[in-house]
N, C-alpha and C. Protein backbone atom coordinates (compact mmCIF):
# COMPACT_ATOMS: atom_id res chain seq x y z
N MET A 1 -6.48 23.46 32.96
CA MET A 1 -5.58 24.71 32.92
C MET A 1 -4.97 24.95 31.66
N ARG A 2 -5.01 26.07 31.18
CA ARG A 2 -4.24 26.43 29.99
C ARG A 2 -2.85 26.14 30.03
N MET A 3 -2.31 25.55 29.00
CA MET A 3 -0.84 25.51 28.88
C MET A 3 -0.20 26.92 28.49
N ARG A 4 0.99 27.09 29.32
CA ARG A 4 1.55 28.54 29.00
C ARG A 4 2.29 28.36 27.67
N ARG A 5 2.26 29.47 26.97
CA ARG A 5 3.20 29.39 25.43
C ARG A 5 4.44 29.26 25.71
N LYS A 6 5.13 28.46 25.03
CA LYS A 6 6.53 28.35 25.30
C LYS A 6 7.30 29.49 24.67
N PRO A 7 8.50 29.96 25.31
CA PRO A 7 9.13 31.17 24.91
C PRO A 7 9.80 30.86 23.46
N LYS A 8 9.60 32.06 22.51
CA LYS A 8 10.33 31.95 21.16
C LYS A 8 9.72 30.60 20.44
N LEU A 9 8.35 30.30 20.54
CA LEU A 9 7.67 29.16 19.97
C LEU A 9 7.84 29.29 18.40
N GLU A 10 7.42 30.44 17.95
CA GLU A 10 7.42 30.61 16.38
C GLU A 10 8.85 30.52 15.82
N SER A 11 9.64 30.94 16.48
CA SER A 11 11.05 31.04 15.86
C SER A 11 11.76 29.53 16.02
N ARG A 12 11.28 28.81 17.05
CA ARG A 12 11.72 27.35 17.26
C ARG A 12 11.17 26.57 16.20
N ILE A 13 10.03 26.76 15.85
CA ILE A 13 9.11 25.92 14.84
C ILE A 13 9.77 26.30 13.71
N ASP A 14 10.00 27.56 13.20
CA ASP A 14 10.54 28.04 11.95
C ASP A 14 11.83 27.29 11.67
N ARG A 15 12.68 26.93 12.77
CA ARG A 15 13.93 26.35 12.55
C ARG A 15 13.76 24.94 12.06
N CYS A 16 12.61 24.36 12.38
CA CYS A 16 12.27 23.02 11.75
C CYS A 16 11.26 22.90 10.64
N ALA A 17 11.20 23.97 9.97
CA ALA A 17 10.08 24.16 9.00
C ALA A 17 9.97 23.01 7.96
N HIS A 18 11.22 22.52 7.57
CA HIS A 18 11.14 21.47 6.55
C HIS A 18 10.45 20.37 7.11
N LEU A 19 10.45 19.93 8.25
CA LEU A 19 9.55 18.86 8.81
C LEU A 19 8.01 19.06 8.83
N LEU A 20 7.61 20.37 8.83
CA LEU A 20 6.29 20.75 9.14
C LEU A 20 5.51 21.06 7.86
N VAL A 21 4.29 20.33 7.73
CA VAL A 21 3.50 20.57 6.52
C VAL A 21 2.52 21.60 6.91
N SER A 22 2.84 22.90 6.32
CA SER A 22 1.87 23.94 6.75
C SER A 22 0.49 23.93 5.98
N GLU A 23 0.39 23.19 4.90
CA GLU A 23 -0.86 23.23 4.19
C GLU A 23 -1.18 21.76 3.76
N PRO A 24 -1.40 20.84 4.68
CA PRO A 24 -1.50 19.41 4.39
C PRO A 24 -2.75 19.12 3.49
N ALA A 25 -3.58 20.01 3.26
CA ALA A 25 -4.71 19.75 2.38
C ALA A 25 -4.31 19.81 0.98
N MET A 26 -3.32 20.41 0.70
CA MET A 26 -2.70 20.59 -0.61
C MET A 26 -2.04 19.32 -1.08
N LEU A 27 -1.72 18.43 -0.12
CA LEU A 27 -1.03 17.06 -0.49
C LEU A 27 -2.06 15.91 -0.55
N ARG A 28 -3.31 16.21 -0.29
CA ARG A 28 -4.37 15.20 -0.34
C ARG A 28 -4.24 14.52 -1.54
N GLY A 29 -3.95 13.13 -1.37
CA GLY A 29 -4.12 12.25 -2.54
C GLY A 29 -2.56 12.18 -3.18
N HIS A 30 -1.72 13.03 -2.77
CA HIS A 30 -0.28 13.15 -3.39
C HIS A 30 0.75 12.80 -2.39
N TRP A 31 0.47 12.56 -1.14
CA TRP A 31 1.64 12.29 -0.37
C TRP A 31 2.63 11.44 -0.77
N LEU A 32 2.31 10.28 -1.23
CA LEU A 32 3.45 9.15 -1.41
C LEU A 32 4.10 9.64 -2.83
N ASP A 33 3.58 10.18 -3.66
CA ASP A 33 4.11 10.77 -4.95
C ASP A 33 5.07 11.86 -4.43
N THR A 34 4.71 12.90 -3.66
CA THR A 34 5.38 13.97 -3.28
C THR A 34 6.70 13.75 -2.61
N PHE A 35 6.60 12.77 -1.75
CA PHE A 35 7.96 12.46 -0.91
C PHE A 35 8.51 11.11 -1.30
N ASP A 36 7.95 10.46 -2.33
CA ASP A 36 8.53 9.31 -2.91
C ASP A 36 8.67 8.23 -2.09
N PHE A 37 7.56 7.79 -1.44
CA PHE A 37 7.51 6.55 -0.59
C PHE A 37 6.32 5.68 -1.18
N ASP A 38 6.25 4.41 -0.73
CA ASP A 38 5.25 3.47 -1.09
C ASP A 38 4.22 3.28 -0.21
N GLU A 39 4.45 3.75 0.95
CA GLU A 39 3.47 3.33 2.10
C GLU A 39 3.48 4.69 3.12
N LEU A 40 2.38 5.06 3.68
CA LEU A 40 1.99 6.25 4.67
C LEU A 40 1.65 5.58 5.85
N GLN A 41 2.18 6.04 7.08
CA GLN A 41 1.62 5.52 8.38
C GLN A 41 1.37 6.86 8.98
N LEU A 42 0.45 6.92 9.66
CA LEU A 42 -0.16 8.16 10.36
C LEU A 42 0.00 7.79 11.96
N GLU A 43 0.53 8.84 12.80
CA GLU A 43 0.35 8.84 14.18
C GLU A 43 -0.47 9.90 14.55
N LEU A 44 -1.62 9.50 15.31
CA LEU A 44 -2.40 10.83 15.82
C LEU A 44 -2.11 11.10 17.27
N GLY A 45 -1.75 12.33 17.62
CA GLY A 45 -1.55 12.98 18.90
C GLY A 45 -0.15 12.36 19.05
N CYS A 46 0.97 12.95 18.65
CA CYS A 46 2.25 12.37 18.65
C CYS A 46 3.05 12.89 19.85
N GLY A 47 2.52 13.93 20.55
CA GLY A 47 3.09 14.27 21.82
C GLY A 47 4.63 14.90 21.56
N LYS A 48 5.46 14.47 22.31
CA LYS A 48 6.68 14.85 22.36
C LYS A 48 7.79 14.33 21.34
N GLY A 49 7.01 13.32 20.47
CA GLY A 49 7.62 12.66 19.36
C GLY A 49 8.60 11.54 19.53
N LEU A 50 8.71 10.91 20.68
CA LEU A 50 9.76 9.84 20.76
C LEU A 50 9.23 8.53 20.04
N PHE A 51 8.05 8.14 20.10
CA PHE A 51 7.46 7.03 19.20
C PHE A 51 7.72 7.44 17.86
N THR A 52 7.43 8.75 17.32
CA THR A 52 7.47 9.11 15.91
C THR A 52 8.90 8.89 15.51
N VAL A 53 9.90 9.34 16.07
CA VAL A 53 11.31 9.22 15.79
C VAL A 53 11.77 7.68 15.76
N GLU A 54 11.41 7.03 16.64
CA GLU A 54 11.97 5.59 16.74
C GLU A 54 11.10 4.70 15.65
N THR A 55 9.91 5.12 15.49
CA THR A 55 9.12 4.34 14.22
C THR A 55 9.82 4.61 13.04
N ALA A 56 10.10 5.86 12.75
CA ALA A 56 10.89 6.37 11.58
C ALA A 56 12.13 5.74 11.27
N LYS A 57 12.86 5.49 12.35
CA LYS A 57 14.13 4.88 12.22
C LYS A 57 13.93 3.27 11.99
N ARG A 58 12.91 2.75 12.56
CA ARG A 58 12.79 1.32 12.21
C ARG A 58 12.10 1.04 10.94
N GLU A 59 11.55 1.99 10.49
CA GLU A 59 10.69 1.90 9.07
C GLU A 59 11.27 2.76 8.13
N PRO A 60 12.46 2.89 7.72
CA PRO A 60 13.09 3.87 6.85
C PRO A 60 12.53 3.99 5.50
N GLY A 61 11.79 2.85 5.09
CA GLY A 61 11.15 2.90 3.69
C GLY A 61 9.74 3.53 3.68
N LYS A 62 9.26 3.84 4.74
CA LYS A 62 7.77 4.16 4.93
C LYS A 62 7.81 5.64 5.51
N LEU A 63 6.82 6.41 4.90
CA LEU A 63 6.59 7.94 5.16
C LEU A 63 5.82 7.91 6.59
N ILE A 64 6.23 8.54 7.62
CA ILE A 64 5.64 8.47 8.93
C ILE A 64 5.03 10.05 8.92
N VAL A 65 3.74 10.16 9.01
CA VAL A 65 3.13 11.50 9.28
C VAL A 65 2.55 11.57 10.65
N ALA A 66 2.97 12.55 11.43
CA ALA A 66 2.58 12.65 12.87
C ALA A 66 1.82 13.93 13.07
N LEU A 67 0.52 13.78 13.51
CA LEU A 67 -0.35 14.90 13.70
C LEU A 67 -0.53 15.30 15.34
N GLU A 68 -0.33 16.56 15.66
CA GLU A 68 -0.41 17.01 16.98
C GLU A 68 -1.16 18.38 16.87
N LYS A 69 -2.13 18.57 17.69
CA LYS A 69 -2.81 19.82 17.64
C LYS A 69 -2.24 20.82 18.47
N THR A 70 -1.30 20.52 19.63
CA THR A 70 -0.81 21.66 20.43
C THR A 70 0.56 22.08 19.89
N ALA A 71 0.68 23.38 19.67
CA ALA A 71 2.11 23.69 19.17
C ALA A 71 3.09 23.59 20.24
N ASN A 72 2.74 23.88 21.50
CA ASN A 72 3.67 23.87 22.51
C ASN A 72 4.41 22.38 22.73
N VAL A 73 3.71 21.40 22.30
CA VAL A 73 4.20 20.07 22.46
C VAL A 73 4.74 19.69 21.10
N LEU A 74 4.15 20.11 19.98
CA LEU A 74 4.63 19.86 18.62
C LEU A 74 6.27 20.23 18.46
N VAL A 75 6.41 21.50 19.05
CA VAL A 75 7.54 22.08 18.87
C VAL A 75 8.74 20.98 19.59
N ILE A 76 8.54 20.41 20.65
CA ILE A 76 9.47 19.31 21.14
C ILE A 76 9.69 18.31 20.32
N ALA A 77 8.47 17.75 19.48
CA ALA A 77 8.76 16.70 18.53
C ALA A 77 9.58 16.99 17.46
N LEU A 78 9.30 18.33 16.95
CA LEU A 78 10.13 18.73 15.91
C LEU A 78 11.68 18.89 16.28
N GLU A 79 12.00 19.45 17.46
CA GLU A 79 13.29 19.47 17.80
C GLU A 79 13.76 18.26 18.09
N ARG A 80 13.21 17.22 18.43
CA ARG A 80 13.75 15.95 18.89
C ARG A 80 14.04 15.14 17.48
N THR A 81 13.29 15.40 16.33
CA THR A 81 13.33 14.91 15.03
C THR A 81 14.68 15.52 14.39
N MET A 82 14.82 16.66 14.53
CA MET A 82 15.81 17.54 13.69
C MET A 82 17.16 16.85 13.66
N PRO A 83 17.88 16.69 14.74
CA PRO A 83 19.18 16.10 14.65
C PRO A 83 19.36 14.81 14.17
N GLU A 84 18.23 13.84 14.10
CA GLU A 84 18.31 12.52 13.52
C GLU A 84 18.50 12.57 12.15
N GLY A 85 18.15 13.70 11.25
CA GLY A 85 18.31 13.67 9.93
C GLY A 85 17.48 12.64 9.25
N LEU A 86 16.39 12.51 9.76
CA LEU A 86 15.54 11.53 9.17
C LEU A 86 14.53 12.07 7.87
N GLN A 87 14.52 11.30 6.84
CA GLN A 87 14.14 11.97 5.54
C GLN A 87 12.58 11.45 5.45
N ASN A 88 12.07 10.59 6.23
CA ASN A 88 10.65 9.85 6.16
C ASN A 88 9.84 10.46 7.18
N VAL A 89 10.08 11.62 7.78
CA VAL A 89 9.10 12.05 8.90
C VAL A 89 8.52 13.34 8.43
N ARG A 90 7.29 13.80 8.70
CA ARG A 90 6.62 14.96 8.46
C ARG A 90 5.53 14.96 9.53
N PHE A 91 5.15 16.29 9.97
CA PHE A 91 4.28 16.75 11.14
C PHE A 91 3.29 17.79 10.54
N ILE A 92 2.10 17.47 11.02
CA ILE A 92 1.07 18.36 10.87
C ILE A 92 0.66 18.90 12.20
N ASN A 93 0.45 20.33 12.30
CA ASN A 93 -0.32 20.84 13.34
C ASN A 93 -1.67 21.05 13.17
N GLY A 94 -2.59 19.90 13.52
CA GLY A 94 -3.82 20.00 13.19
C GLY A 94 -4.56 19.20 13.95
N LEU A 95 -5.88 19.01 13.72
CA LEU A 95 -7.00 18.19 14.33
C LEU A 95 -7.23 16.93 13.61
N VAL A 96 -7.60 15.92 14.33
CA VAL A 96 -8.05 14.54 13.87
C VAL A 96 -9.44 14.79 13.17
N ASP A 97 -10.21 15.65 13.56
CA ASP A 97 -11.50 16.05 12.85
C ASP A 97 -11.27 16.23 11.34
N ASP A 98 -10.00 16.63 11.04
CA ASP A 98 -9.76 17.05 9.64
C ASP A 98 -9.13 15.98 8.79
N LEU A 99 -8.95 14.83 9.19
CA LEU A 99 -8.11 13.95 8.60
C LEU A 99 -8.63 13.82 7.05
N ASP A 100 -9.94 13.71 6.78
CA ASP A 100 -10.32 13.56 5.51
C ASP A 100 -10.08 14.61 4.48
N THR A 101 -9.69 15.91 4.88
CA THR A 101 -9.31 16.98 4.37
C THR A 101 -7.77 16.95 3.91
N PHE A 102 -7.02 16.13 4.77
CA PHE A 102 -5.44 16.07 4.67
C PHE A 102 -5.12 14.72 3.96
N PHE A 103 -6.02 13.77 3.91
CA PHE A 103 -5.76 12.48 3.34
C PHE A 103 -6.82 11.89 2.52
N ASP A 104 -6.51 11.44 1.22
CA ASP A 104 -7.55 10.83 0.26
C ASP A 104 -7.78 9.42 0.80
N ALA A 105 -8.84 9.11 0.01
CA ALA A 105 -9.67 7.67 0.57
C ALA A 105 -8.44 6.39 0.22
N GLY A 106 -8.07 5.73 1.07
CA GLY A 106 -7.14 4.70 1.03
C GLY A 106 -5.71 5.08 0.87
N GLU A 107 -5.36 6.18 1.41
CA GLU A 107 -4.11 6.68 1.42
C GLU A 107 -3.17 6.31 2.48
N VAL A 108 -3.77 5.78 3.48
CA VAL A 108 -2.85 5.51 4.74
C VAL A 108 -2.95 3.95 4.95
N SER A 109 -1.82 3.38 5.23
CA SER A 109 -1.67 2.06 5.49
C SER A 109 -1.95 1.42 7.06
N CYS A 110 -1.44 2.52 7.86
CA CYS A 110 -1.63 2.20 9.31
C CYS A 110 -1.74 3.59 10.03
N ILE A 111 -2.61 3.50 11.24
CA ILE A 111 -2.72 4.56 12.07
C ILE A 111 -2.38 4.10 13.49
N TYR A 112 -1.56 4.94 14.13
CA TYR A 112 -1.02 4.64 15.51
C TYR A 112 -1.87 5.52 16.33
N ILE A 113 -2.50 5.18 17.35
CA ILE A 113 -3.24 6.01 18.45
C ILE A 113 -2.67 5.57 19.70
N ASN A 114 -1.92 6.29 20.36
CA ASN A 114 -1.28 6.15 21.71
C ASN A 114 -1.56 6.94 22.75
N PHE A 115 -2.14 6.37 23.76
CA PHE A 115 -2.56 7.21 24.95
C PHE A 115 -3.41 8.33 24.76
N CYS A 116 -4.35 8.29 23.91
CA CYS A 116 -5.19 9.54 23.78
C CYS A 116 -5.94 9.76 24.99
N ASP A 117 -6.51 11.01 24.97
CA ASP A 117 -7.39 11.49 26.22
C ASP A 117 -8.63 10.47 26.32
N PRO A 118 -8.74 9.82 27.50
CA PRO A 118 -9.87 8.93 27.57
C PRO A 118 -11.38 9.66 27.63
N TRP A 119 -11.32 10.78 27.93
CA TRP A 119 -12.74 11.60 27.97
C TRP A 119 -13.69 10.65 28.83
N PRO A 120 -13.48 10.37 30.23
CA PRO A 120 -14.14 9.47 30.85
C PRO A 120 -15.77 9.64 31.10
N ALA A 121 -16.05 10.96 30.91
CA ALA A 121 -17.54 11.11 31.30
C ALA A 121 -18.35 10.74 30.03
N ASN A 122 -19.60 10.19 30.15
CA ASN A 122 -20.37 9.67 29.13
C ASN A 122 -20.67 10.82 28.31
N ARG A 123 -20.92 11.96 28.74
CA ARG A 123 -21.29 12.98 27.90
C ARG A 123 -20.23 13.46 26.87
N HIS A 124 -18.96 12.99 27.17
CA HIS A 124 -17.84 13.27 26.23
C HIS A 124 -17.56 12.30 25.38
N LYS A 125 -18.17 11.12 25.36
CA LYS A 125 -17.68 9.82 24.63
C LYS A 125 -17.53 10.16 23.14
N LYS A 126 -18.11 11.28 22.60
CA LYS A 126 -18.11 11.58 21.05
C LYS A 126 -16.80 11.98 20.62
N ARG A 127 -15.91 12.68 21.92
CA ARG A 127 -14.57 13.13 21.73
C ARG A 127 -13.62 11.88 21.68
N ARG A 128 -13.88 10.88 22.17
CA ARG A 128 -12.79 9.82 22.17
C ARG A 128 -12.59 9.25 20.70
N LEU A 129 -11.13 9.32 20.69
CA LEU A 129 -10.41 9.09 19.31
C LEU A 129 -10.76 7.57 18.84
N THR A 130 -11.56 6.92 19.57
CA THR A 130 -11.75 5.45 19.17
C THR A 130 -13.20 5.31 19.17
N GLY A 131 -14.00 6.29 19.18
CA GLY A 131 -15.36 6.27 19.08
C GLY A 131 -15.89 6.28 17.62
N GLN A 132 -17.13 6.00 17.40
CA GLN A 132 -17.59 5.57 15.92
C GLN A 132 -17.38 6.80 15.17
N ARG A 133 -17.53 8.05 15.52
CA ARG A 133 -17.49 9.09 14.65
C ARG A 133 -15.95 9.22 13.99
N PHE A 134 -14.94 8.91 14.70
CA PHE A 134 -13.56 9.04 14.46
C PHE A 134 -13.19 7.78 13.48
N LEU A 135 -13.77 6.58 13.93
CA LEU A 135 -13.47 5.41 13.26
C LEU A 135 -13.86 5.43 11.92
N GLU A 136 -15.01 5.99 11.63
CA GLU A 136 -15.48 6.24 10.03
C GLU A 136 -14.57 7.04 9.36
N LEU A 137 -13.95 8.07 9.97
CA LEU A 137 -12.85 8.90 9.35
C LEU A 137 -11.69 8.05 9.12
N TYR A 138 -11.13 7.15 9.90
CA TYR A 138 -10.08 6.15 9.64
C TYR A 138 -10.37 5.18 8.76
N ARG A 139 -11.61 4.69 8.50
CA ARG A 139 -11.87 3.81 7.64
C ARG A 139 -11.83 4.34 6.23
N HIS A 140 -12.16 5.67 6.21
CA HIS A 140 -12.22 6.53 4.95
C HIS A 140 -10.71 6.38 4.29
N VAL A 141 -9.98 6.83 5.32
CA VAL A 141 -8.33 7.16 4.85
C VAL A 141 -7.45 5.92 4.65
N LEU A 142 -7.85 4.95 5.43
CA LEU A 142 -7.19 3.59 5.29
C LEU A 142 -7.46 2.86 4.08
N ARG A 143 -6.28 2.25 3.58
CA ARG A 143 -6.31 1.41 2.54
C ARG A 143 -6.91 0.10 2.97
N PRO A 144 -7.33 -0.70 1.84
CA PRO A 144 -7.91 -2.20 2.27
C PRO A 144 -7.02 -2.87 3.12
N GLU A 145 -7.26 -3.45 4.17
CA GLU A 145 -6.59 -4.26 5.07
C GLU A 145 -5.69 -3.36 6.00
N GLY A 146 -5.94 -2.05 5.98
CA GLY A 146 -5.23 -1.13 6.65
C GLY A 146 -5.52 -1.33 8.17
N GLU A 147 -4.45 -1.02 9.00
CA GLU A 147 -4.74 -1.34 10.42
C GLU A 147 -4.60 -0.11 11.36
N ILE A 148 -5.27 -0.15 12.45
CA ILE A 148 -5.19 0.77 13.55
C ILE A 148 -4.42 0.20 14.78
N HIS A 149 -3.41 0.72 15.37
CA HIS A 149 -2.48 0.12 16.32
C HIS A 149 -2.73 1.11 17.61
N PHE A 150 -3.67 0.66 18.51
CA PHE A 150 -4.03 1.29 19.78
C PHE A 150 -3.49 0.81 20.93
N LYS A 151 -2.98 1.67 21.62
CA LYS A 151 -2.33 1.62 23.14
C LYS A 151 -2.98 2.48 24.07
N THR A 152 -3.14 2.04 25.23
CA THR A 152 -3.68 2.97 26.42
C THR A 152 -3.40 2.54 27.91
N ASP A 153 -3.58 3.23 28.66
CA ASP A 153 -3.22 2.94 30.28
C ASP A 153 -4.67 2.75 30.85
N ASP A 154 -5.59 3.08 30.00
CA ASP A 154 -7.03 3.42 30.54
C ASP A 154 -7.98 2.18 30.30
N LEU A 155 -8.19 1.45 31.34
CA LEU A 155 -9.02 0.23 31.06
C LEU A 155 -10.37 0.38 30.53
N PRO A 156 -11.20 1.24 31.15
CA PRO A 156 -12.48 1.56 30.58
C PRO A 156 -12.46 2.12 29.10
N LEU A 157 -11.47 2.74 28.75
CA LEU A 157 -11.36 3.37 27.39
C LEU A 157 -11.07 2.25 26.54
N PHE A 158 -10.22 1.29 26.94
CA PHE A 158 -9.76 0.07 26.03
C PHE A 158 -11.05 -0.82 25.83
N GLU A 159 -11.75 -1.07 26.84
CA GLU A 159 -13.03 -1.94 26.74
C GLU A 159 -14.03 -1.29 25.86
N PHE A 160 -14.23 -0.03 25.94
CA PHE A 160 -15.10 0.94 25.13
C PHE A 160 -14.47 0.66 23.56
N SER A 161 -13.22 0.72 23.43
CA SER A 161 -12.62 0.80 22.19
C SER A 161 -12.83 -0.52 21.47
N LEU A 162 -12.68 -1.60 22.19
CA LEU A 162 -12.82 -2.83 21.55
C LEU A 162 -14.24 -3.12 21.09
N MET A 163 -15.22 -2.70 21.68
CA MET A 163 -16.62 -2.69 21.35
C MET A 163 -16.69 -1.93 20.09
N GLU A 164 -16.22 -0.67 20.18
CA GLU A 164 -16.42 0.33 19.05
C GLU A 164 -15.80 -0.29 17.76
N PHE A 165 -14.72 -0.85 17.67
CA PHE A 165 -13.82 -1.28 16.87
C PHE A 165 -14.65 -2.44 15.99
N GLU A 166 -15.06 -3.32 16.97
CA GLU A 166 -16.15 -4.41 16.27
C GLU A 166 -17.41 -4.16 15.68
N SER A 167 -17.98 -3.23 16.39
CA SER A 167 -19.32 -2.44 15.85
C SER A 167 -19.18 -1.68 14.55
N CYS A 168 -17.82 -1.24 14.17
CA CYS A 168 -17.55 -0.50 12.94
C CYS A 168 -17.04 -1.26 11.97
N GLY A 169 -17.02 -2.63 12.30
CA GLY A 169 -16.62 -3.42 11.31
C GLY A 169 -15.03 -3.84 11.14
N PHE A 170 -14.37 -3.54 12.25
CA PHE A 170 -12.79 -3.80 12.12
C PHE A 170 -12.72 -5.14 12.89
N THR A 171 -11.64 -6.03 12.33
CA THR A 171 -11.33 -7.23 12.92
C THR A 171 -10.17 -7.05 13.89
N LEU A 172 -10.31 -7.56 15.16
CA LEU A 172 -9.45 -7.37 16.22
C LEU A 172 -8.44 -8.45 16.24
N SER A 173 -7.29 -7.94 16.61
CA SER A 173 -6.18 -9.21 16.88
C SER A 173 -5.15 -8.30 17.73
N GLU A 174 -4.15 -9.24 18.32
CA GLU A 174 -3.22 -8.97 19.27
C GLU A 174 -3.66 -8.13 20.60
N VAL A 175 -4.72 -8.56 20.89
CA VAL A 175 -5.40 -7.94 22.11
C VAL A 175 -4.70 -8.44 23.36
N THR A 176 -4.11 -7.40 24.11
CA THR A 176 -3.50 -7.75 25.32
C THR A 176 -3.80 -6.83 26.48
N TYR A 177 -3.97 -7.20 27.60
CA TYR A 177 -4.20 -6.47 28.95
C TYR A 177 -3.02 -5.99 29.77
N ASP A 178 -1.92 -6.60 29.34
CA ASP A 178 -0.77 -6.35 29.88
C ASP A 178 0.61 -6.59 28.98
N LEU A 179 0.75 -5.49 28.05
CA LEU A 179 1.61 -5.50 26.95
C LEU A 179 2.92 -5.86 27.60
N HIS A 180 3.50 -5.20 28.38
CA HIS A 180 4.79 -5.45 28.86
C HIS A 180 4.98 -6.30 30.26
N LYS A 181 4.12 -7.13 30.28
CA LYS A 181 4.09 -8.17 31.58
C LYS A 181 5.30 -8.79 31.94
N LYS A 182 6.11 -9.36 30.73
CA LYS A 182 7.25 -10.15 30.77
C LYS A 182 8.47 -9.35 30.48
N GLU A 183 8.33 -8.41 29.52
CA GLU A 183 9.52 -7.40 29.22
C GLU A 183 9.00 -6.48 28.27
N PRO A 184 9.61 -5.29 28.14
CA PRO A 184 8.93 -4.24 27.34
C PRO A 184 9.05 -4.77 25.85
N VAL A 185 7.87 -4.50 25.32
CA VAL A 185 7.58 -4.80 23.90
C VAL A 185 7.39 -3.58 22.97
N GLY A 186 8.10 -3.60 21.63
CA GLY A 186 7.84 -2.63 20.78
C GLY A 186 8.43 -1.20 21.25
N ILE A 187 8.16 -0.19 20.44
CA ILE A 187 8.42 1.19 20.64
C ILE A 187 7.45 1.87 21.64
N MET A 188 7.91 2.49 22.78
CA MET A 188 7.32 3.14 23.72
C MET A 188 7.25 4.53 23.55
N THR A 189 6.13 5.41 24.15
CA THR A 189 6.21 6.71 24.07
C THR A 189 6.64 7.11 25.49
N ASP A 190 6.70 8.49 25.46
CA ASP A 190 7.34 9.05 26.66
C ASP A 190 6.32 8.60 27.76
N TYR A 191 5.09 8.84 27.71
CA TYR A 191 4.18 8.62 28.64
C TYR A 191 4.26 6.97 28.99
N GLU A 192 4.27 6.02 28.15
CA GLU A 192 4.57 4.79 28.33
C GLU A 192 5.57 4.23 29.20
N ILE A 193 6.70 4.92 28.93
CA ILE A 193 7.86 4.47 29.55
C ILE A 193 7.52 4.79 31.28
N LYS A 194 7.00 6.03 31.54
CA LYS A 194 6.68 6.34 32.86
C LYS A 194 5.64 5.34 33.46
N PHE A 195 4.36 5.03 32.75
CA PHE A 195 3.49 4.20 33.27
C PHE A 195 4.24 2.77 33.58
N HIS A 196 4.95 2.33 32.60
CA HIS A 196 5.76 1.06 32.76
C HIS A 196 6.61 1.00 33.99
N GLU A 197 7.33 2.00 34.17
CA GLU A 197 8.28 2.20 35.38
C GLU A 197 7.26 2.17 36.69
N LEU A 198 6.04 2.55 36.54
CA LEU A 198 5.20 2.61 37.77
C LEU A 198 4.61 1.13 37.92
N GLY A 199 4.91 0.39 37.00
CA GLY A 199 4.18 -1.01 37.07
C GLY A 199 2.68 -0.98 36.61
N MET A 200 2.30 -0.10 35.83
CA MET A 200 1.01 0.05 35.32
C MET A 200 0.73 -0.77 34.30
N PRO A 201 -0.27 -1.49 33.94
CA PRO A 201 -0.47 -2.38 32.79
C PRO A 201 -0.87 -1.46 31.47
N ILE A 202 -0.29 -1.92 30.44
CA ILE A 202 -0.55 -1.18 29.22
C ILE A 202 -1.44 -2.12 28.32
N TYR A 203 -2.57 -1.48 27.81
CA TYR A 203 -3.52 -2.34 27.23
C TYR A 203 -3.33 -1.96 25.54
N ARG A 204 -3.28 -2.97 24.59
CA ARG A 204 -3.03 -2.80 23.27
C ARG A 204 -3.85 -3.65 22.43
N CYS A 205 -4.22 -3.23 21.17
CA CYS A 205 -4.84 -4.17 20.27
C CYS A 205 -4.60 -3.51 18.83
N VAL A 206 -4.84 -4.25 17.79
CA VAL A 206 -4.73 -4.02 16.32
C VAL A 206 -6.09 -4.18 15.80
N ALA A 207 -6.63 -3.28 15.08
CA ALA A 207 -7.75 -3.37 14.46
C ALA A 207 -7.55 -3.13 13.06
N ARG A 208 -8.07 -4.19 12.20
CA ARG A 208 -7.90 -4.26 10.72
C ARG A 208 -9.26 -3.96 10.00
N LYS A 209 -8.95 -3.00 8.98
CA LYS A 209 -10.17 -2.71 8.28
C LYS A 209 -10.53 -3.96 7.25
N CYS A 210 -11.78 -4.27 7.14
CA CYS A 210 -12.21 -5.53 6.49
C CYS A 210 -12.57 -4.93 5.31
């Protein structure tokens, strides 16, 4: 079902305009120089921005760039970030397919993929953000030894992803099938908090570029 457009969407986004990079391709190869940081971390599908904000607070010396394709959702992330006064966060309203037009080779140190659409039907597996087509994009923009941090609540997607990471030459570490079994670990997304409260296991791994 198509999401209804939020009231006053354009004006709400305009109020947060300094956080939104309207022409990211213009910064390709120059993100760190432009914003005066030594490291760039990228979040794919930031949703309502809880993980984005908390990561930026924890990593004040790193530039956090969050990508979100849906403006209705992005505006919530922007408005959540605004009152924090964070200087190390920027957002892109765009598609993962265009990563190599937004970022140059080796420009990104870490990519976060949290609770992406599992696209369970086999005919849709090319749309999975942890499939080979996208992993080749990530490999291009990641620096040597750059990492992908992946979390999901979907076991079939997780097992598919582990195989894809390895087949594409990434080294796996920190593989867990129940991240919060003993206690909450790390920064959670909005979805993750709900899943954890329902007692659902969270699957996580780190894939390192070799």
